[in-house]
């Protein structure tokens, strides 16, 4: 019973006590019947009637409140059981009871079902083994969808594992393919990530870019993705480091002659990228400052080699 319910019960008991004690005192006390006191008796009975009505209403309210609380508890428990049962069925898709190996479609269904059941922690943990570089059992696209769900979840642990996995596999992903990068950080940002998760995602983005193709599409993609971090992160130190990474791209972006850039659902103007680049500064953490300086130099060399339009499937989607 909640504290509010205890208060209501105490109030109801007090009202009932008053309902029986007060009229009794009035009848046998100052209102003890004598000649001509029928009017006073009528007043007392009216008062008792009011108390009875109020008490019945209060008791009815209490009964309804307890019934609603019980139904809510039962619904919550039923929902929990259904989710648990669904999670177990999803687990059976990933690891069949007969010990056989699941096909890629079953693995993908099981992992994505877990993310829909608010079990992103379990899904991304299973992904560690299922998406191993030596023997990947799920596709890059499925893995990225699981990572995206984990980044959007409220679990710091799931977010960190997802960022670590993305960084670990980043050089095997194609920056020009939208399905190879989580939509949660596609030109936008999850600002409440832990500092370590943020660093891992930035490193994943840079490594994926440097290992990928050197064309205009890749250059536009990394510029928009970096700008999304700079725009949405509230920490000035993070913004300063991201500005340092955007700065070496500006020269080549100017050479392309475009004024706006699109990646995913995000569109960024060249003037906004230039503003972000001007915010570059040194990080108080000397180690991180040296790393960001090294990454900026690598991006500068990479950007100078970017030329030509992409020719792979889906290249039209990278256009303005």
Protein backbone atom coordinates (compact mmCIF):
# COMPACT_ATOMS: atom_id res chain seq x y z
CA UNK A 1 0.00 0.00 0.00
CA UNK A 2 1.39 3.40 -0.99
CA UNK A 3 1.81 6.31 1.35
CA UNK A 4 -1.13 8.13 -0.27
CA UNK A 5 -3.33 5.07 0.29
CA UNK A 6 -2.32 4.95 3.96
CA UNK A 7 -3.29 8.58 4.34
CA UNK A 8 -6.69 7.96 2.76
CA UNK A 9 -7.31 4.93 5.01
CA UNK A 10 -6.39 6.97 8.07
CA UNK A 11 -8.71 9.76 6.96
CA UNK A 12 -11.55 7.31 6.34
CA UNK A 13 -11.10 5.72 9.77
CA UNK A 14 -11.14 9.16 11.36
CA UNK A 15 -14.36 10.09 9.55
CA UNK A 16 -16.04 6.83 10.61
CA UNK A 17 -14.98 7.37 14.18
CA UNK A 18 -16.39 10.89 14.16
CA UNK A 19 -19.58 9.60 12.50
CA UNK A 20 -20.31 7.25 15.40
CA UNK A 21 -18.83 9.10 18.36
CA UNK A 22 -20.12 12.61 17.69
CA UNK A 23 -23.81 11.74 17.21
CA UNK A 24 -23.70 9.45 20.25
CA UNK A 25 -22.23 12.24 22.34
CA UNK A 26 -24.81 14.67 21.10
CA UNK A 27 -27.69 12.34 21.80
CA UNK A 28 -26.59 11.38 25.29
CA UNK A 29 -24.97 14.67 26.09
CA UNK A 30 -26.18 18.18 25.41
CA UNK A 31 -28.84 16.91 22.99
CA UNK A 32 -30.33 14.34 25.33
CA UNK A 33 -33.95 14.28 24.37
CA UNK A 34 -36.41 16.10 26.43
CA UNK A 35 -39.73 17.70 25.74
CA UNK A 36 -39.76 19.73 22.52
CA UNK A 37 -36.33 18.61 21.33
CA UNK A 38 -37.49 16.70 18.23
CA UNK A 39 -36.05 19.42 15.97
CA UNK A 40 -32.61 18.90 17.45
CA UNK A 41 -32.94 15.16 16.93
CA UNK A 42 -33.80 15.78 13.27
CA UNK A 43 -30.66 17.93 12.90
CA UNK A 44 -28.52 15.20 14.43
CA UNK A 45 -30.00 12.57 12.13
CA UNK A 46 -29.41 14.83 9.13
CA UNK A 47 -25.79 15.24 10.20
CA UNK A 48 -25.44 11.46 10.55
CA UNK A 49 -26.91 11.00 7.07
CA UNK A 50 -24.34 13.39 5.59
CA UNK A 51 -21.53 11.50 7.32
CA UNK A 52 -22.84 8.16 6.08
CA UNK A 53 -23.04 9.45 2.50
CA UNK A 54 -19.51 10.85 2.70
CA UNK A 55 -18.20 7.63 4.21
CA UNK A 56 -19.81 5.50 1.50
CA UNK A 57 -18.30 7.73 -1.18
CA UNK A 58 -14.90 7.54 0.48
CA UNK A 59 -15.07 3.77 0.79
CA UNK A 60 -16.12 3.49 -2.87
CA UNK A 61 -13.19 5.69 -3.86
CA UNK A 62 -10.82 3.48 -1.89
CA UNK A 63 -12.19 0.32 -3.47
CA UNK A 64 -11.87 1.78 -6.98
CA UNK A 65 -8.35 2.98 -6.25
CA UNK A 66 -7.26 -0.43 -4.99
CA UNK A 67 -8.89 -2.13 -7.99
CA UNK A 68 -7.14 0.18 -10.46
CA UNK A 69 -3.83 -0.35 -8.68
CA UNK A 70 -4.26 -4.12 -8.80
CA UNK A 71 -5.20 -4.06 -12.50
CA UNK A 72 -2.21 -1.85 -13.29
CA UNK A 73 0.09 -4.22 -11.42
CA UNK A 74 -1.35 -7.21 -13.25
CA UNK A 75 -0.95 -5.49 -16.63
CA UNK A 76 2.65 -4.57 -15.85
CA UNK A 77 3.43 -8.12 -14.79
CA UNK A 78 1.69 -9.55 -17.85
CA UNK A 79 3.62 -7.20 -20.12
CA UNK A 80 6.88 -8.19 -18.41
CA UNK A 81 6.10 -11.88 -18.91
CA UNK A 82 5.21 -11.37 -22.57
CA UNK A 83 8.43 -9.46 -23.18
CA UNK A 84 10.43 -12.13 -21.40
CA UNK A 85 8.74 -14.84 -23.45
CA UNK A 86 9.40 -12.91 -26.66
CA UNK A 87 13.03 -12.40 -25.68
CA UNK A 88 13.42 -16.13 -25.05
CA UNK A 89 11.93 -16.90 -28.46
CA UNK A 90 14.32 -14.40 -30.04
CA UNK A 91 17.17 -16.14 -28.23
CA UNK A 92 16.05 -19.47 -29.69
CA UNK A 93 16.37 -17.99 -33.17
CA UNK A 94 19.97 -17.06 -32.41
CA UNK A 95 20.87 -20.30 -30.62
CA UNK A 96 18.47 -23.16 -31.50
CA UNK A 97 17.78 -25.72 -28.79
CA UNK A 98 18.95 -28.59 -31.03
CA UNK A 99 22.45 -27.17 -31.10
CA UNK A 100 22.38 -26.43 -34.82
CA UNK A 101 23.62 -23.21 -36.35
CA UNK A 102 21.16 -20.48 -37.26
CA UNK A 103 21.07 -19.05 -40.75
CA UNK A 104 21.82 -15.32 -41.21
CA UNK A 105 18.13 -14.42 -41.56
CA UNK A 106 17.27 -16.07 -38.23
CA UNK A 107 20.22 -14.38 -36.52
CA UNK A 108 19.20 -11.00 -37.87
CA UNK A 109 15.58 -11.54 -36.81
CA UNK A 110 16.60 -12.58 -33.31
CA UNK A 111 18.96 -9.66 -32.75
CA UNK A 112 16.56 -7.05 -34.10
CA UNK A 113 13.69 -8.56 -32.10
CA UNK A 114 15.74 -8.13 -28.93
CA UNK A 115 16.31 -4.45 -29.69
CA UNK A 116 12.55 -3.95 -30.16
CA UNK A 117 11.97 -5.60 -26.78
CA UNK A 118 14.22 -3.08 -25.00
CA UNK A 119 16.96 -5.68 -24.67
CA UNK A 120 19.61 -3.71 -26.53
CA UNK A 121 22.18 -4.73 -23.91
CA UNK A 122 21.72 -8.40 -24.72
CA UNK A 123 21.53 -7.84 -28.47
CA UNK A 124 24.74 -5.83 -28.69
CA UNK A 125 26.53 -8.25 -26.37
CA UNK A 126 25.60 -11.18 -28.62
CA UNK A 127 26.74 -9.13 -31.58
CA UNK A 128 30.30 -9.17 -30.23
CA UNK A 129 30.63 -12.85 -31.18
CA UNK A 130 28.28 -12.89 -34.16
CA UNK A 131 30.08 -10.02 -35.93
CA UNK A 132 33.65 -11.13 -35.39
CA UNK A 133 36.12 -10.09 -38.13
CA UNK A 134 37.36 -13.66 -38.50
CA UNK A 135 33.96 -15.34 -38.91
CA UNK A 136 31.12 -12.85 -39.26
CA UNK A 137 27.71 -14.54 -39.03
CA UNK A 138 25.66 -11.39 -39.61
CA UNK A 139 25.93 -8.75 -42.31
CA UNK A 140 27.34 -5.28 -41.79
CA UNK A 141 23.85 -3.85 -42.31
CA UNK A 142 22.31 -5.99 -39.55
CA UNK A 143 25.16 -5.19 -37.17
CA UNK A 144 24.78 -1.46 -37.78
CA UNK A 145 21.02 -1.64 -37.10
CA UNK A 146 21.70 -3.34 -33.76
CA UNK A 147 24.37 -0.76 -32.93
CA UNK A 148 21.97 2.04 -33.83
CA UNK A 149 19.33 0.66 -31.44
CA UNK A 150 21.94 0.35 -28.68
CA UNK A 151 23.08 3.95 -29.17
CA UNK A 152 19.47 5.12 -28.90
CA UNK A 153 18.83 3.06 -25.76
CA UNK A 154 18.98 4.41 -22.22
CA UNK A 155 21.68 1.92 -21.21
CA UNK A 156 25.18 3.46 -20.93
CA UNK A 157 26.66 -0.04 -21.04
CA UNK A 158 24.90 -0.89 -24.31
CA UNK A 159 25.95 2.44 -25.78
CA UNK A 160 29.59 1.87 -24.87
CA UNK A 161 29.67 -1.67 -26.29
CA UNK A 162 28.00 -0.42 -29.48
CA UNK A 163 30.56 2.37 -29.90
CA UNK A 164 33.42 -0.07 -29.24
CA UNK A 165 32.10 -2.53 -31.83
CA UNK A 166 31.61 0.18 -34.44
CA UNK A 167 35.17 1.42 -33.89
CA UNK A 168 36.56 -2.12 -34.05
CA UNK A 169 34.92 -2.79 -37.43
CA UNK A 170 35.09 0.73 -38.87
CA UNK A 171 37.76 0.04 -41.50
CA UNK A 172 35.51 -2.65 -43.01
CA UNK A 173 32.60 -0.26 -43.53
CA UNK A 174 31.88 1.99 -46.51
CA UNK A 175 31.32 5.66 -45.57
CA UNK A 176 29.29 6.18 -48.75
CA UNK A 177 26.73 3.55 -47.76
CA UNK A 178 24.05 4.86 -45.39
CA UNK A 179 23.40 1.33 -44.11
CA UNK A 180 27.02 1.15 -42.92
CA UNK A 181 26.61 3.98 -40.41
CA UNK A 182 24.08 4.29 -37.52
CA UNK A 183 21.28 6.76 -38.22
CA UNK A 184 21.51 7.93 -34.58
CA UNK A 185 24.76 9.72 -35.52
CA UNK A 186 24.08 10.32 -39.23
CA UNK A 187 24.58 14.06 -39.33
CA UNK A 188 23.28 14.26 -35.76
CA UNK A 189 24.53 13.24 -32.33
CA UNK A 190 23.61 11.53 -29.05
CA UNK A 191 24.84 14.22 -26.70
CA UNK A 192 24.36 12.27 -23.45
CA UNK A 193 26.82 9.52 -24.40
CA UNK A 194 29.69 8.87 -22.03
CA UNK A 195 32.99 10.59 -22.93
CA UNK A 196 34.57 7.24 -23.84
CA UNK A 197 31.68 6.31 -26.14
CA UNK A 198 31.94 9.69 -27.87
CA UNK A 199 35.68 9.23 -28.47
CA UNK A 200 35.10 5.75 -29.89
CA UNK A 201 32.45 7.01 -32.32
CA UNK A 202 34.64 9.88 -33.52
CA UNK A 203 37.55 7.48 -34.01
CA UNK A 204 35.26 5.07 -35.87
CA UNK A 205 34.13 7.84 -38.20
CA UNK A 206 37.68 8.95 -38.97
CA UNK A 207 39.01 5.42 -39.45
CA UNK A 208 36.09 4.47 -41.70
CA UNK A 209 36.67 7.58 -43.79
CA UNK A 210 40.43 7.11 -44.16
CA UNK A 211 40.02 3.45 -45.14
CA UNK A 212 37.21 4.15 -47.61
CA UNK A 213 37.01 5.56 -51.12
CA UNK A 214 38.52 8.92 -52.04
CA UNK A 215 35.72 10.65 -53.91
CA UNK A 216 33.43 13.61 -53.47
CA UNK A 217 30.70 11.51 -51.86
CA UNK A 218 33.00 10.33 -49.05
CA UNK A 219 34.25 13.89 -48.49
CA UNK A 220 30.72 15.25 -48.23
CA UNK A 221 29.68 12.42 -45.90
CA UNK A 222 32.44 12.94 -43.35
CA UNK A 223 31.94 16.72 -43.40
CA UNK A 224 28.22 16.47 -42.61
CA UNK A 225 28.73 13.77 -39.95
CA UNK A 226 31.46 15.75 -38.19
CA UNK A 227 29.33 18.90 -38.31
CA UNK A 228 26.42 17.05 -36.65
CA UNK A 229 28.69 16.25 -33.70
CA UNK A 230 29.94 19.83 -33.52
CA UNK A 231 26.42 21.27 -33.66
CA UNK A 232 24.73 18.97 -31.13
CA UNK A 233 27.39 18.40 -28.45
CA UNK A 234 27.15 20.89 -25.54
CA UNK A 235 30.80 20.48 -24.48
CA UNK A 236 33.02 23.26 -25.90
CA UNK A 237 36.07 21.00 -25.66
CA UNK A 238 34.38 18.41 -27.87
CA UNK A 239 33.33 21.12 -30.30
CA UNK A 240 36.88 22.44 -30.39
CA UNK A 241 38.31 19.02 -31.25
CA UNK A 242 35.67 18.41 -33.92
CA UNK A 243 36.37 21.86 -35.33
CA UNK A 244 40.00 20.81 -35.64
CA UNK A 245 38.90 17.77 -37.68
CA UNK A 246 36.61 19.83 -39.94
CA UNK A 247 39.25 22.48 -40.64
CA UNK A 248 41.46 20.33 -42.94
CA UNK A 249 38.41 19.52 -45.10
CA UNK A 250 37.47 23.13 -45.83
CA UNK A 251 40.09 23.75 -48.50
CA UNK A 252 39.03 20.77 -50.59
CA UNK A 253 35.33 21.52 -50.03
CA UNK A 254 35.97 25.03 -51.38
CA UNK A 255 37.62 23.53 -54.45
CA UNK A 256 34.49 21.52 -55.24
CA UNK A 257 32.48 24.71 -55.63
CA UNK A 258 29.42 23.49 -53.69
CA UNK A 259 27.63 25.64 -51.13
CA UNK A 260 25.55 22.96 -49.46
CA UNK A 261 26.13 19.33 -48.58
CA UNK A 262 23.72 16.51 -47.78
CA UNK A 263 24.14 13.19 -46.03
CA UNK A 264 21.18 11.10 -44.91
CA UNK A 265 18.47 13.54 -43.87
CA UNK A 266 20.89 16.31 -42.90
CA UNK A 267 21.84 19.28 -45.04
CA UNK A 268 24.73 21.58 -44.09
CA UNK A 269 25.85 24.81 -45.72
CA UNK A 270 29.51 25.50 -46.48
CA UNK A 271 29.31 28.63 -44.32
CA UNK A 272 28.28 26.47 -41.34
CA UNK A 273 31.22 24.16 -41.86
CA UNK A 274 33.55 27.17 -42.02
CA UNK A 275 32.10 28.47 -38.76
CA UNK A 276 32.69 25.09 -37.10
CA UNK A 277 36.27 25.02 -38.38
CA UNK A 278 36.95 28.43 -36.80
CA UNK A 279 36.08 27.00 -33.37
CA UNK A 280 39.10 24.65 -33.44
CA UNK A 281 41.22 24.76 -30.31
CA UNK A 282 43.60 22.65 -28.30
CA UNK A 283 42.19 20.10 -25.89
CA UNK A 284 43.29 20.55 -22.24
CA UNK A 285 44.03 16.83 -22.26
CA UNK A 286 47.43 16.68 -23.96
CA UNK A 287 47.00 13.08 -25.10
CA UNK A 288 43.64 13.73 -26.76
CA UNK A 289 45.00 16.92 -28.30
CA UNK A 290 47.87 15.03 -29.93
CA UNK A 291 45.47 12.36 -31.23
CA UNK A 292 43.07 14.91 -32.71
CA UNK A 293 46.01 16.74 -34.32
CA UNK A 294 47.20 13.48 -35.89
CA UNK A 295 43.70 12.65 -37.14
CA UNK A 296 43.38 16.17 -38.59
CA UNK A 297 46.64 15.72 -40.51
CA UNK A 298 45.48 12.35 -41.84
CA UNK A 299 42.18 13.86 -42.95
CA UNK A 300 44.01 16.70 -44.70
CA UNK A 301 46.10 14.26 -46.75
CA UNK A 302 43.04 12.12 -47.48
CA UNK A 303 40.90 15.10 -48.54
CA UNK A 304 43.50 16.23 -51.06
CA UNK A 305 43.14 12.90 -52.85
CA UNK A 306 39.33 13.12 -53.02
CA UNK A 307 38.19 13.76 -56.55
CA UNK A 308 35.62 12.49 -58.98
CA UNK A 309 32.05 11.35 -58.53
CA UNK A 310 31.15 7.97 -57.05
CA UNK A 311 30.05 5.22 -59.42
CA UNK A 312 28.79 2.54 -57.03
CA UNK A 313 25.16 1.60 -56.51
CA UNK A 314 23.17 4.31 -54.72
CA UNK A 315 25.49 7.15 -55.64
CA UNK A 316 22.56 9.37 -56.69
CA UNK A 317 21.36 9.44 -53.06
CA UNK A 318 24.49 11.38 -52.09
CA UNK A 319 23.66 14.26 -54.41
CA UNK A 320 22.19 17.60 -53.26
